[in-house]
Amino acid sequence: MTGTTDLVSILCATRNRAHTLERALLSIWQQSHQCFEVLILDDGSDERTFSEYEQLWAKLDDRFVLHRIRPSGSRGAGPSQARNFGIPLAKGTYVTFLDDDDWWSGNDHLAVAVKTMGATGADYYFANMQGVRGEETVIADWYHDAPLLTRGPRVYDTPRVYEVPLAAFVRVMQHHLVHPDVAVVRRDLLTAVGGFFERVVFGEDYDLMMRLVDKARLILYRPDVTVSYRLPIGDSISLTESKQDQTLQRLSCTQHVRTKCTNPLVRRCARAREAWSLRELADDLAANKRPRSALSFAWQAFCAYPTLGAGLFLSRSLARAASGDLTTDSGNTAR
């Protein structure tokens, strides 16, 4: 019988998306693991949305509780602050998140997480996901290029769940991240690391993931796809922020990880991501005819994570800056 130690707190931040929120909440309601509470964290939706909520609540039960964290029609605080509002209210042994435009496509998503985390004492669990746009599956297997995730000991057979050594995890996460939708974490650990980084609206999922695994005793991974993640369209935050702003916020997150984490493997991974963000900024500046500024960022990238690739990138940046074919950062033609 499921007991209170199996309680999962699910935090769902939302704003003016009743039409997609319904699918998200119904995917929770259909989970085979029924010992959960759902905190719907409304970040200032308009009154029309609240009228639509009334029809939605009729399909659910008292485990689904609405929290109005901003006055109706006000400017939203953003996903990090909304989620952080809910963390102290969570009562579960485990905490997970579900964005209002995504959904759990596997009805055993919670059941497998709770069972395997309880049996192994793991602090951090994540599953695979697919990327969808509209009703079309664009990315069928999010971690198809990450075989390291399934090379550790198998801790559960049906379905397969693997222990992921930290060294393997951080190697994969140099180019990937674990979205909060697919992760289940012990509440005590989430509280200990302080929740989401509120100074950014982009990259906060990477930042929290790294700070969690820095302190996690054991990491588990399920390679089955159990989550459907909506790729950016329309009003997605990733489309309202410029590419350069996104890169700067990712850079801020990698630096935040380096200041907060103590494990050398985690810090090394953050340095690699930091260097990559600096190289992206250098490329952007070079494309905008600012080769000297680009060279500065290329040099910072090499210092942050000195690899052969970073050295070659720095050499190309130096050649661009020395070339008389590009305009200078002042906007005048180089002489």
C-alpha atoms as a PDB file:
ATOM      1  CA  MET A   1       0.000   0.000   0.000  1.00  0.00           C
ATOM      2  CA  THR A   2       1.269   3.469  -0.832  1.00  0.00           C
ATOM      3  CA  GLY A   3       2.148   5.496   2.256  1.00  0.00           C
ATOM      4  CA  THR A   4       2.959   9.084   3.049  1.00  0.00           C
ATOM      5  CA  THR A   5       6.658   8.414   2.431  1.00  0.00           C
ATOM      6  CA  ASP A   6       5.685   7.908  -1.237  1.00  0.00           C
ATOM      7  CA  LEU A   7       3.960  11.300  -1.531  1.00  0.00           C
ATOM      8  CA  VAL A   8       5.086  13.261  -4.589  1.00  0.00           C
ATOM      9  CA  SER A   9       4.640  17.029  -4.739  1.00  0.00           C
ATOM     10  CA  ILE A  10       4.157  18.253  -8.309  1.00  0.00           C
ATOM     11  CA  LEU A  11       4.715  21.953  -8.968  1.00  0.00           C
ATOM     12  CA  CYS A  12       3.137  23.417 -12.085  1.00  0.00           C
ATOM     13  CA  ALA A  13       3.787  27.096 -12.832  1.00  0.00           C
ATOM     14  CA  THR A  14       1.312  28.633 -15.266  1.00  0.00           C
ATOM     15  CA  ARG A  15       0.177  31.899 -16.788  1.00  0.00           C
ATOM     16  CA  ASN A  16      -2.688  32.390 -19.267  1.00  0.00           C
ATOM     17  CA  ARG A  17      -2.500  28.864 -20.650  1.00  0.00           C
ATOM     18  CA  ALA A  18      -5.624  27.088 -19.460  1.00  0.00           C
ATOM     19  CA  HIS A  19      -5.917  25.347 -22.845  1.00  0.00           C
ATOM     20  CA  THR A  20      -2.558  23.577 -22.477  1.00  0.00           C
ATOM     21  CA  LEU A  21      -2.660  23.335 -18.672  1.00  0.00           C
ATOM     22  CA  GLU A  22      -5.614  20.956 -18.956  1.00  0.00           C
ATOM     23  CA  ARG A  23      -3.570  18.360 -20.851  1.00  0.00           C
ATOM     24  CA  ALA A  24      -0.705  18.699 -18.355  1.00  0.00           C
ATOM     25  CA  LEU A  25      -2.931  18.212 -15.304  1.00  0.00           C
ATOM     26  CA  LEU A  26      -4.879  15.338 -16.827  1.00  0.00           C
ATOM     27  CA  SER A  27      -1.597  13.557 -17.553  1.00  0.00           C
ATOM     28  CA  ILE A  28      -0.870  13.803 -13.829  1.00  0.00           C
ATOM     29  CA  TRP A  29      -4.359  12.607 -12.884  1.00  0.00           C
ATOM     30  CA  GLN A  30      -3.858   9.528 -15.100  1.00  0.00           C
ATOM     31  CA  GLN A  31      -0.629   8.434 -13.361  1.00  0.00           C
ATOM     32  CA  SER A  32      -0.662   4.931 -11.915  1.00  0.00           C
ATOM     33  CA  HIS A  33       1.028   6.313  -8.793  1.00  0.00           C
ATOM     34  CA  GLN A  34      -1.818   8.168  -7.131  1.00  0.00           C
ATOM     35  CA  CYS A  35      -0.123   9.402  -3.960  1.00  0.00           C
ATOM     36  CA  PHE A  36       0.566  12.967  -5.070  1.00  0.00           C
ATOM     37  CA  GLU A  37      -0.335  16.595  -4.506  1.00  0.00           C
ATOM     38  CA  VAL A  38      -0.349  19.181  -7.282  1.00  0.00           C
ATOM     39  CA  LEU A  39       0.439  22.820  -6.603  1.00  0.00           C
ATOM     40  CA  ILE A  40      -0.735  24.942  -9.544  1.00  0.00           C
ATOM     41  CA  LEU A  41       1.184  28.204  -9.250  1.00  0.00           C
ATOM     42  CA  ASP A  42      -0.627  30.915 -11.195  1.00  0.00           C
ATOM     43  CA  ASP A  43       1.683  33.790 -12.085  1.00  0.00           C
ATOM     44  CA  GLY A  44      -0.819  36.607 -12.710  1.00  0.00           C
ATOM     45  CA  SER A  45      -3.197  35.151 -15.303  1.00  0.00           C
ATOM     46  CA  ASP A  46      -6.069  37.335 -16.507  1.00  0.00           C
ATOM     47  CA  GLU A  47      -9.634  36.857 -15.274  1.00  0.00           C
ATOM     48  CA  ARG A  48     -10.686  35.099 -18.475  1.00  0.00           C
ATOM     49  CA  THR A  49      -8.185  32.340 -17.691  1.00  0.00           C
ATOM     50  CA  PHE A  50      -9.630  31.945 -14.197  1.00  0.00           C
ATOM     51  CA  SER A  51     -13.095  31.474 -15.650  1.00  0.00           C
ATOM     52  CA  GLU A  52     -11.673  28.693 -17.843  1.00  0.00           C
ATOM     53  CA  TYR A  53     -10.126  27.118 -14.748  1.00  0.00           C
ATOM     54  CA  GLU A  54     -13.592  26.434 -13.328  1.00  0.00           C
ATOM     55  CA  GLN A  55     -14.352  23.930 -16.090  1.00  0.00           C
ATOM     56  CA  LEU A  56     -10.955  22.308 -15.641  1.00  0.00           C
ATOM     57  CA  TRP A  57     -11.254  21.843 -11.859  1.00  0.00           C
ATOM     58  CA  ALA A  58     -14.522  19.959 -12.405  1.00  0.00           C
ATOM     59  CA  LYS A  59     -12.489  17.190 -14.077  1.00  0.00           C
ATOM     60  CA  LEU A  60     -10.014  16.892 -11.195  1.00  0.00           C
ATOM     61  CA  ASP A  61     -10.087  16.376  -7.408  1.00  0.00           C
ATOM     62  CA  ASP A  62      -8.897  18.041  -4.211  1.00  0.00           C
ATOM     63  CA  ARG A  63      -5.290  16.923  -4.722  1.00  0.00           C
ATOM     64  CA  PHE A  64      -5.034  19.743  -7.284  1.00  0.00           C
ATOM     65  CA  VAL A  65      -4.727  23.085  -5.466  1.00  0.00           C
ATOM     66  CA  LEU A  66      -4.498  26.496  -7.128  1.00  0.00           C
ATOM     67  CA  HIS A  67      -2.183  29.127  -5.636  1.00  0.00           C
ATOM     68  CA  ARG A  68      -2.451  32.700  -6.943  1.00  0.00           C
ATOM     69  CA  ILE A  69       1.073  34.009  -6.464  1.00  0.00           C
ATOM     70  CA  ARG A  70       0.531  37.262  -8.397  1.00  0.00           C
ATOM     71  CA  PRO A  71      -2.592  39.444  -8.746  1.00  0.00           C
ATOM     72  CA  SER A  72      -4.651  38.763 -11.847  1.00  0.00           C
ATOM     73  CA  GLY A  73      -3.399  40.658 -14.885  1.00  0.00           C
ATOM     74  CA  SER A  74      -0.114  41.700 -13.264  1.00  0.00           C
ATOM     75  CA  ARG A  75       3.285  41.225 -14.823  1.00  0.00           C
ATOM     76  CA  GLY A  76       4.465  37.692 -14.179  1.00  0.00           C
ATOM     77  CA  ALA A  77       7.449  36.952 -11.981  1.00  0.00           C
ATOM     78  CA  GLY A  78       8.742  34.216 -14.306  1.00  0.00           C
ATOM     79  CA  PRO A  79       9.062  30.442 -13.956  1.00  0.00           C
ATOM     80  CA  SER A  80      11.899  30.439 -11.423  1.00  0.00           C
ATOM     81  CA  GLN A  81      10.124  32.632  -8.878  1.00  0.00           C
ATOM     82  CA  ALA A  82       6.824  30.849  -9.431  1.00  0.00           C
ATOM     83  CA  ARG A  83       8.358  27.438  -8.794  1.00  0.00           C
ATOM     84  CA  ASN A  84      10.324  28.695  -5.803  1.00  0.00           C
ATOM     85  CA  PHE A  85       7.081  29.968  -4.290  1.00  0.00           C
ATOM     86  CA  GLY A  86       5.767  26.416  -4.322  1.00  0.00           C
ATOM     87  CA  ILE A  87       8.819  24.583  -2.955  1.00  0.00           C
ATOM     88  CA  PRO A  88       8.283  25.546   0.721  1.00  0.00           C
ATOM     89  CA  LEU A  89       4.620  24.498   0.407  1.00  0.00           C
ATOM     90  CA  ALA A  90       5.504  21.001  -0.859  1.00  0.00           C
ATOM     91  CA  LYS A  91       4.844  18.198   1.619  1.00  0.00           C
ATOM     92  CA  GLY A  92       6.041  15.220  -0.399  1.00  0.00           C
ATOM     93  CA  THR A  93       9.106  13.094   0.124  1.00  0.00           C
ATOM     94  CA  TYR A  94       9.763  13.731  -3.565  1.00  0.00           C
ATOM     95  CA  VAL A  95       9.270  16.852  -5.705  1.00  0.00           C
ATOM     96  CA  THR A  96       8.904  17.176  -9.444  1.00  0.00           C
ATOM     97  CA  PHE A  97       7.772  19.820 -11.912  1.00  0.00           C
ATOM     98  CA  LEU A  98       5.585  19.939 -14.991  1.00  0.00           C
ATOM     99  CA  ASP A  99       5.382  22.966 -17.273  1.00  0.00           C
ATOM    100  CA  ASP A 100       1.875  24.027 -18.234  1.00  0.00           C
ATOM    101  CA  ASP A 101       2.425  23.300 -21.943  1.00  0.00           C
ATOM    102  CA  ASP A 102       4.060  19.863 -21.519  1.00  0.00           C
ATOM    103  CA  TRP A 103       2.655  16.533 -20.368  1.00  0.00           C
ATOM    104  CA  TRP A 104       3.640  13.123 -19.045  1.00  0.00           C
ATOM    105  CA  SER A 105       3.068  10.642 -21.858  1.00  0.00           C
ATOM    106  CA  GLY A 106       3.935   7.594 -19.710  1.00  0.00           C
ATOM    107  CA  ASN A 107       1.377   6.855 -16.985  1.00  0.00           C
ATOM    108  CA  ASP A 108       4.017   5.042 -14.906  1.00  0.00           C
ATOM    109  CA  HIS A 109       6.392   8.006 -14.860  1.00  0.00           C
ATOM    110  CA  LEU A 110       5.915   8.678 -11.141  1.00  0.00           C
ATOM    111  CA  ALA A 111       5.489   5.025 -10.139  1.00  0.00           C
ATOM    112  CA  VAL A 112       8.867   3.934 -11.490  1.00  0.00           C
ATOM    113  CA  ALA A 113      10.611   6.988 -10.053  1.00  0.00           C
ATOM    114  CA  VAL A 114       9.217   6.469  -6.557  1.00  0.00           C
ATOM    115  CA  LYS A 115       9.832   2.712  -6.546  1.00  0.00           C
ATOM    116  CA  THR A 116      13.435   2.867  -7.739  1.00  0.00           C
ATOM    117  CA  MET A 117      14.386   5.890  -5.638  1.00  0.00           C
ATOM    118  CA  GLY A 118      12.911   4.240  -2.557  1.00  0.00           C
ATOM    119  CA  ALA A 119      14.719   0.956  -3.215  1.00  0.00           C
ATOM    120  CA  THR A 120      18.138   2.509  -3.902  1.00  0.00           C
ATOM    121  CA  GLY A 121      18.102   5.639  -1.753  1.00  0.00           C
ATOM    122  CA  ALA A 122      18.726   7.778  -4.847  1.00  0.00           C
ATOM    123  CA  ASP A 123      18.292  11.540  -4.518  1.00  0.00           C
ATOM    124  CA  TYR A 124      17.897  12.348  -8.218  1.00  0.00           C
ATOM    125  CA  TYR A 125      16.026  10.504 -10.966  1.00  0.00           C
ATOM    126  CA  PHE A 126      15.283  11.446 -14.549  1.00  0.00           C
ATOM    127  CA  ALA A 127      13.647   9.843 -17.557  1.00  0.00           C
ATOM    128  CA  ASN A 128      13.886  10.340 -21.300  1.00  0.00           C
ATOM    129  CA  MET A 129      11.585  12.676 -23.215  1.00  0.00           C
ATOM    130  CA  GLN A 130      10.472  13.547 -26.721  1.00  0.00           C
ATOM    131  CA  GLY A 131      10.242  16.966 -28.337  1.00  0.00           C
ATOM    132  CA  VAL A 132       6.956  17.868 -30.002  1.00  0.00           C
ATOM    133  CA  ARG A 133       5.793  20.825 -32.061  1.00  0.00           C
ATOM    134  CA  GLY A 134       2.056  21.023 -32.386  1.00  0.00           C
ATOM    135  CA  GLU A 135       1.047  17.361 -32.570  1.00  0.00           C
ATOM    136  CA  GLU A 136       4.174  16.298 -34.474  1.00  0.00           C
ATOM    137  CA  THR A 137       7.036  14.491 -32.768  1.00  0.00           C
ATOM    138  CA  VAL A 138      10.198  16.293 -33.885  1.00  0.00           C
ATOM    139  CA  ILE A 139      12.704  14.637 -31.519  1.00  0.00           C
ATOM    140  CA  ALA A 140      11.670  11.085 -30.662  1.00  0.00           C
ATOM    141  CA  ASP A 141      14.553  10.328 -28.275  1.00  0.00           C
ATOM    142  CA  TRP A 142      16.118  13.261 -26.452  1.00  0.00           C
ATOM    143  CA  TYR A 143      19.205  11.341 -25.281  1.00  0.00           C
ATOM    144  CA  HIS A 144      19.756   9.167 -28.363  1.00  0.00           C
ATOM    145  CA  ASP A 145      23.372  10.357 -28.596  1.00  0.00           C
ATOM    146  CA  ALA A 146      24.222   9.752 -24.925  1.00  0.00           C
ATOM    147  CA  PRO A 147      25.056   6.040 -24.483  1.00  0.00           C
ATOM    148  CA  LEU A 148      27.025   6.808 -21.316  1.00  0.00           C
ATOM    149  CA  LEU A 149      23.738   7.169 -19.453  1.00  0.00           C
ATOM    150  CA  THR A 150      23.018   3.434 -19.749  1.00  0.00           C
ATOM    151  CA  ARG A 151      26.489   1.990 -19.148  1.00  0.00           C
ATOM    152  CA  GLY A 152      26.204   1.961 -15.371  1.00  0.00           C
ATOM    153  CA  PRO A 153      24.660  -0.784 -13.198  1.00  0.00           C
ATOM    154  CA  ARG A 154      21.049  -1.638 -13.968  1.00  0.00           C
ATOM    155  CA  VAL A 155      18.980  -1.216 -10.785  1.00  0.00           C
ATOM    156  CA  TYR A 156      15.596  -2.187 -12.246  1.00  0.00           C
ATOM    157  CA  ASP A 157      14.709  -4.461 -15.155  1.00  0.00           C
ATOM    158  CA  THR A 158      11.097  -3.793 -16.192  1.00  0.00           C
ATOM    159  CA  PRO A 159      11.319  -1.002 -17.172  1.00  0.00           C
ATOM    160  CA  ARG A 160      15.069  -0.521 -17.334  1.00  0.00           C
ATOM    161  CA  VAL A 161      16.513   1.976 -14.874  1.00  0.00           C
ATOM    162  CA  TYR A 162      20.248   2.598 -14.555  1.00  0.00           C
ATOM    163  CA  GLU A 163      22.548   4.094 -11.986  1.00  0.00           C
ATOM    164  CA  VAL A 164      24.503   6.922 -13.613  1.00  0.00           C
ATOM    165  CA  PRO A 165      27.962   7.604 -12.156  1.00  0.00           C
ATOM    166  CA  LEU A 166      28.584  11.313 -11.710  1.00  0.00           C
ATOM    167  CA  ALA A 167      31.563  11.231 -14.073  1.00  0.00           C
ATOM    168  CA  ALA A 168      29.362   9.865 -16.869  1.00  0.00           C
ATOM    169  CA  PHE A 169      26.538  12.270 -16.059  1.00  0.00           C
ATOM    170  CA  VAL A 170      28.652  15.414 -16.279  1.00  0.00           C
ATOM    171  CA  ARG A 171      30.269  14.275 -19.528  1.00  0.00           C
ATOM    172  CA  VAL A 172      26.827  14.007 -21.101  1.00  0.00           C
ATOM    173  CA  MET A 173      25.672  17.294 -19.579  1.00  0.00           C
ATOM    174  CA  GLN A 174      28.420  19.267 -21.271  1.00  0.00           C
ATOM    175  CA  HIS A 175      26.020  19.297 -24.226  1.00  0.00           C
ATOM    176  CA  HIS A 176      22.685  18.280 -22.672  1.00  0.00           C
ATOM    177  CA  LEU A 177      20.557  19.136 -19.679  1.00  0.00           C
ATOM    178  CA  VAL A 178      17.808  17.478 -17.650  1.00  0.00           C
ATOM    179  CA  HIS A 179      14.541  19.358 -17.970  1.00  0.00           C
ATOM    180  CA  PRO A 180      12.601  19.704 -14.690  1.00  0.00           C
ATOM    181  CA  ASP A 181       9.646  17.914 -16.344  1.00  0.00           C
ATOM    182  CA  VAL A 182      11.550  14.610 -16.386  1.00  0.00           C
ATOM    183  CA  ALA A 183      13.347  14.856 -13.037  1.00  0.00           C
ATOM    184  CA  VAL A 184      12.196  13.681  -9.617  1.00  0.00           C
ATOM    185  CA  VAL A 185      14.241  14.824  -6.624  1.00  0.00           C
ATOM    186  CA  ARG A 186      14.089  14.316  -2.887  1.00  0.00           C
ATOM    187  CA  ARG A 187      12.526  17.367  -1.286  1.00  0.00           C
ATOM    188  CA  ASP A 188      15.239  17.613   1.366  1.00  0.00           C
ATOM    189  CA  LEU A 189      17.916  17.940  -1.310  1.00  0.00           C
ATOM    190  CA  LEU A 190      15.917  20.487  -3.316  1.00  0.00           C
ATOM    191  CA  THR A 191      15.428  22.591  -0.198  1.00  0.00           C
ATOM    192  CA  ALA A 192      19.098  22.305   0.731  1.00  0.00           C
ATOM    193  CA  VAL A 193      20.347  23.697  -2.610  1.00  0.00           C
ATOM    194  CA  GLY A 194      17.890  26.595  -2.494  1.00  0.00           C
ATOM    195  CA  GLY A 195      15.625  25.992  -5.487  1.00  0.00           C
ATOM    196  CA  PHE A 196      15.854  27.832  -8.794  1.00  0.00           C
ATOM    197  CA  PHE A 197      18.200  30.708  -9.654  1.00  0.00           C
ATOM    198  CA  GLU A 198      15.775  33.650  -9.848  1.00  0.00           C
ATOM    199  CA  ARG A 199      18.030  36.161 -11.599  1.00  0.00           C
ATOM    200  CA  VAL A 200      17.543  34.482 -14.968  1.00  0.00           C
ATOM    201  CA  VAL A 201      14.548  33.395 -17.037  1.00  0.00           C
ATOM    202  CA  PHE A 202      16.608  31.214 -19.379  1.00  0.00           C
ATOM    203  CA  GLY A 203      18.986  28.440 -18.333  1.00  0.00           C
ATOM    204  CA  GLU A 204      17.603  28.077 -14.811  1.00  0.00           C
ATOM    205  CA  ASP A 205      16.915  24.368 -15.431  1.00  0.00           C
ATOM    206  CA  TYR A 206      20.611  23.702 -16.172  1.00  0.00           C
ATOM    207  CA  ASP A 207      21.656  25.640 -13.092  1.00  0.00           C
ATOM    208  CA  LEU A 208      19.364  23.697 -10.739  1.00  0.00           C
ATOM    209  CA  MET A 209      20.288  20.338 -12.297  1.00  0.00           C
ATOM    210  CA  MET A 210      23.985  20.914 -11.660  1.00  0.00           C
ATOM    211  CA  ARG A 211      23.521  22.106  -8.093  1.00  0.00           C
ATOM    212  CA  LEU A 212      21.360  19.058  -7.339  1.00  0.00           C
ATOM    213  CA  VAL A 213      23.766  16.465  -8.732  1.00  0.00           C
ATOM    214  CA  ASP A 214      26.625  18.212  -6.948  1.00  0.00           C
ATOM    215  CA  LYS A 215      25.048  17.048  -3.672  1.00  0.00           C
ATOM    216  CA  ALA A 216      23.130  13.934  -4.796  1.00  0.00           C
ATOM    217  CA  ARG A 217      24.185  10.589  -3.342  1.00  0.00           C
ATOM    218  CA  LEU A 218      22.917   8.570  -6.316  1.00  0.00           C
ATOM    219  CA  ILE A 219      21.571   9.423  -9.794  1.00  0.00           C
ATOM    220  CA  LEU A 220      19.132   7.185 -11.693  1.00  0.00           C
ATOM    221  CA  TYR A 221      18.093   7.277 -15.360  1.00  0.00           C
ATOM    222  CA  ARG A 222      15.233   5.632 -17.221  1.00  0.00           C
ATOM    223  CA  PRO A 223      15.810   5.562 -21.005  1.00  0.00           C
ATOM    224  CA  ASP A 224      12.114   5.134 -21.873  1.00  0.00           C
ATOM    225  CA  VAL A 225      10.342   8.255 -23.103  1.00  0.00           C
ATOM    226  CA  THR A 226       7.759   9.241 -20.490  1.00  0.00           C
ATOM    227  CA  VAL A 227       7.491  13.002 -21.075  1.00  0.00           C
ATOM    228  CA  SER A 228       6.393  15.107 -24.039  1.00  0.00           C
ATOM    229  CA  TYR A 229       8.141  18.465 -24.150  1.00  0.00           C
ATOM    230  CA  ARG A 230       6.720  21.234 -26.325  1.00  0.00           C
ATOM    231  CA  LEU A 231       9.440  22.771 -28.471  1.00  0.00           C
ATOM    232  CA  PRO A 232       9.408  26.586 -28.569  1.00  0.00           C
ATOM    233  CA  ILE A 233       6.612  28.187 -30.555  1.00  0.00           C
ATOM    234  CA  GLY A 234       4.458  31.277 -30.140  1.00  0.00           C
ATOM    235  CA  ASP A 235       4.680  32.714 -26.635  1.00  0.00           C
ATOM    236  CA  SER A 236       7.537  30.551 -25.361  1.00  0.00           C
ATOM    237  CA  ILE A 237      10.092  32.425 -23.258  1.00  0.00           C
ATOM    238  CA  SER A 238      12.904  31.124 -25.458  1.00  0.00           C
ATOM    239  CA  LEU A 239      11.395  33.023 -28.385  1.00  0.00           C
ATOM    240  CA  THR A 240      10.853  36.292 -26.510  1.00  0.00           C
ATOM    241  CA  GLU A 241      14.518  36.513 -25.469  1.00  0.00           C
ATOM    242  CA  SER A 242      17.141  37.382 -28.091  1.00  0.00           C
ATOM    243  CA  LYS A 243      19.798  34.811 -28.924  1.00  0.00           C
ATOM    244  CA  GLN A 244      22.470  36.975 -27.314  1.00  0.00           C
ATOM    245  CA  ASP A 245      20.399  37.442 -24.143  1.00  0.00           C
ATOM    246  CA  GLN A 246      19.882  33.691 -23.941  1.00  0.00           C
ATOM    247  CA  THR A 247      23.619  33.079 -24.250  1.00  0.00           C
ATOM    248  CA  LEU A 248      24.405  35.686 -21.595  1.00  0.00           C
ATOM    249  CA  GLN A 249      21.929  34.084 -19.203  1.00  0.00           C
ATOM    250  CA  ARG A 250      23.393  30.626 -19.852  1.00  0.00           C
ATOM    251  CA  LEU A 251      26.802  32.114 -19.128  1.00  0.00           C
ATOM    252  CA  SER A 252      25.508  33.566 -15.872  1.00  0.00           C
ATOM    253  CA  CYS A 253      24.158  30.147 -14.897  1.00  0.00           C
ATOM    254  CA  THR A 254      27.447  28.365 -15.529  1.00  0.00           C
ATOM    255  CA  GLN A 255      29.239  30.931 -13.392  1.00  0.00           C
ATOM    256  CA  HIS A 256      26.615  30.547 -10.665  1.00  0.00           C
ATOM    257  CA  VAL A 257      27.172  26.787 -10.695  1.00  0.00           C
ATOM    258  CA  ARG A 258      30.908  27.290 -10.309  1.00  0.00           C
ATOM    259  CA  THR A 259      30.401  29.498  -7.251  1.00  0.00           C
ATOM    260  CA  LYS A 260      27.859  27.209  -5.577  1.00  0.00           C
ATOM    261  CA  CYS A 261      29.157  23.700  -6.320  1.00  0.00           C
ATOM    262  CA  THR A 262      32.086  21.932  -4.693  1.00  0.00           C
ATOM    263  CA  ASN A 263      32.518  18.675  -6.611  1.00  0.00           C
ATOM    264  CA  PRO A 264      35.440  19.033  -9.075  1.00  0.00           C
ATOM    265  CA  LEU A 265      33.613  17.056 -11.769  1.00  0.00           C
ATOM    266  CA  VAL A 266      30.599  19.358 -11.608  1.00  0.00           C
ATOM    267  CA  ARG A 267      32.749  22.470 -11.631  1.00  0.00           C
ATOM    268  CA  ARG A 268      34.736  21.170 -14.611  1.00  0.00           C
ATOM    269  CA  CYS A 269      31.520  20.532 -16.528  1.00  0.00           C
ATOM    270  CA  ALA A 270      30.345  24.061 -15.735  1.00  0.00           C
ATOM    271  CA  ARG A 271      33.638  25.474 -17.019  1.00  0.00           C
ATOM    272  CA  ALA A 272      33.163  23.587 -20.284  1.00  0.00           C
ATOM    273  CA  ARG A 273      29.647  25.030 -20.687  1.00  0.00           C
ATOM    274  CA  GLU A 274      30.927  28.478 -19.747  1.00  0.00           C
ATOM    275  CA  ALA A 275      33.608  28.287 -22.419  1.00  0.00           C
ATOM    276  CA  TRP A 276      31.081  27.193 -25.018  1.00  0.00           C
ATOM    277  CA  SER A 277      28.815  30.154 -24.176  1.00  0.00           C
ATOM    278  CA  LEU A 278      31.769  32.514 -24.503  1.00  0.00           C
ATOM    279  CA  ARG A 279      32.555  31.049 -27.922  1.00  0.00           C
ATOM    280  CA  GLU A 280      28.931  31.578 -28.969  1.00  0.00           C
ATOM    281  CA  LEU A 281      29.204  35.226 -27.948  1.00  0.00           C
ATOM    282  CA  ALA A 282      32.446  35.517 -29.912  1.00  0.00           C
ATOM    283  CA  ASP A 283      30.783  34.080 -33.013  1.00  0.00           C
ATOM    284  CA  ASP A 284      27.885  36.514 -32.650  1.00  0.00           C
ATOM    285  CA  LEU A 285      30.217  39.481 -32.344  1.00  0.00           C
ATOM    286  CA  ALA A 286      32.276  38.350 -35.335  1.00  0.00           C
ATOM    287  CA  ALA A 287      29.116  38.045 -37.412  1.00  0.00           C
ATOM    288  CA  ASN A 288      28.285  41.628 -36.436  1.00  0.00           C
ATOM    289  CA  LYS A 289      31.679  42.904 -37.637  1.00  0.00           C
ATOM    290  CA  ARG A 290      33.188  43.289 -34.170  1.00  0.00           C
ATOM    291  CA  PRO A 291      36.304  41.113 -34.445  1.00  0.00           C
ATOM    292  CA  ARG A 292      38.244  42.687 -31.582  1.00  0.00           C
ATOM    293  CA  SER A 293      35.428  42.123 -29.098  1.00  0.00           C
ATOM    294  CA  ALA A 294      35.043  38.631 -30.509  1.00  0.00           C
ATOM    295  CA  LEU A 295      38.728  37.987 -29.861  1.00  0.00           C
ATOM    296  CA  SER A 296      38.298  39.041 -26.222  1.00  0.00           C
ATOM    297  CA  PHE A 297      35.550  36.470 -25.684  1.00  0.00           C
ATOM    298  CA  ALA A 298      37.518  33.802 -27.553  1.00  0.00           C
ATOM    299  CA  TRP A 299      40.449  34.410 -25.210  1.00  0.00           C
ATOM    300  CA  GLN A 300      38.156  34.152 -22.156  1.00  0.00           C
ATOM    301  CA  ALA A 301      36.762  30.878 -23.526  1.00  0.00           C
ATOM    302  CA  PHE A 302      40.269  29.449 -23.906  1.00  0.00           C
ATOM    303  CA  CYS A 303      41.191  30.500 -20.354  1.00  0.00           C
ATOM    304  CA  ALA A 304      38.002  28.992 -18.915  1.00  0.00           C
ATOM    305  CA  TYR A 305      38.491  25.612 -20.618  1.00  0.00           C
ATOM    306  CA  PRO A 306      41.755  25.304 -22.571  1.00  0.00           C
ATOM    307  CA  THR A 307      41.261  22.539 -25.121  1.00  0.00           C
ATOM    308  CA  LEU A 308      42.580  21.984 -28.634  1.00  0.00           C
ATOM    309  CA  GLY A 309      39.242  23.115 -30.047  1.00  0.00           C
ATOM    310  CA  ALA A 310      39.305  26.271 -27.949  1.00  0.00           C
ATOM    311  CA  GLY A 311      42.863  26.942 -29.128  1.00  0.00           C
ATOM    312  CA  LEU A 312      41.889  26.610 -32.787  1.00  0.00           C
ATOM    313  CA  PHE A 313      38.876  28.855 -32.205  1.00  0.00           C
ATOM    314  CA  LEU A 314      41.145  31.449 -30.595  1.00  0.00           C
ATOM    315  CA  SER A 315      43.524  31.297 -33.563  1.00  0.00           C
ATOM    316  CA  ARG A 316      40.684  31.924 -36.010  1.00  0.00           C
ATOM    317  CA  SER A 317      39.457  34.820 -33.879  1.00  0.00           C
ATOM    318  CA  LEU A 318      42.942  36.301 -33.827  1.00  0.00           C
ATOM    319  CA  ALA A 319      43.147  36.038 -37.614  1.00  0.00           C
ATOM    320  CA  ARG A 320      39.784  37.795 -37.979  1.00  0.00           C
ATOM    321  CA  ALA A 321      40.856  40.599 -35.659  1.00  0.00           C
ATOM    322  CA  ALA A 322      44.111  41.080 -37.580  1.00  0.00           C
ATOM    323  CA  SER A 323      42.406  41.082 -40.968  1.00  0.00           C
ATOM    324  CA  GLY A 324      41.922  44.365 -42.760  1.00  0.00           C
ATOM    325  CA  ASP A 325      38.849  42.984 -44.552  1.00  0.00           C
ATOM    326  CA  LEU A 326      36.512  43.461 -41.593  1.00  0.00           C
ATOM    327  CA  THR A 327      35.310  46.693 -40.064  1.00  0.00           C
ATOM    328  CA  THR A 328      36.612  47.508 -36.603  1.00  0.00           C
ATOM    329  CA  ASP A 329      34.508  47.639 -33.447  1.00  0.00           C
ATOM    330  CA  SER A 330      34.271  51.412 -33.819  1.00  0.00           C
ATOM    331  CA  GLY A 331      32.446  50.965 -37.104  1.00  0.00           C
ATOM    332  CA  ASN A 332      35.261  52.399 -39.260  1.00  0.00           C
ATOM    333  CA  THR A 333      37.075  50.489 -41.971  1.00  0.00           C
ATOM    334  CA  ALA A 334      40.331  49.012 -40.753  1.00  0.00           C
ATOM    335  CA  ARG A 335      43.407  50.565 -42.317  1.00  0.00           C
END
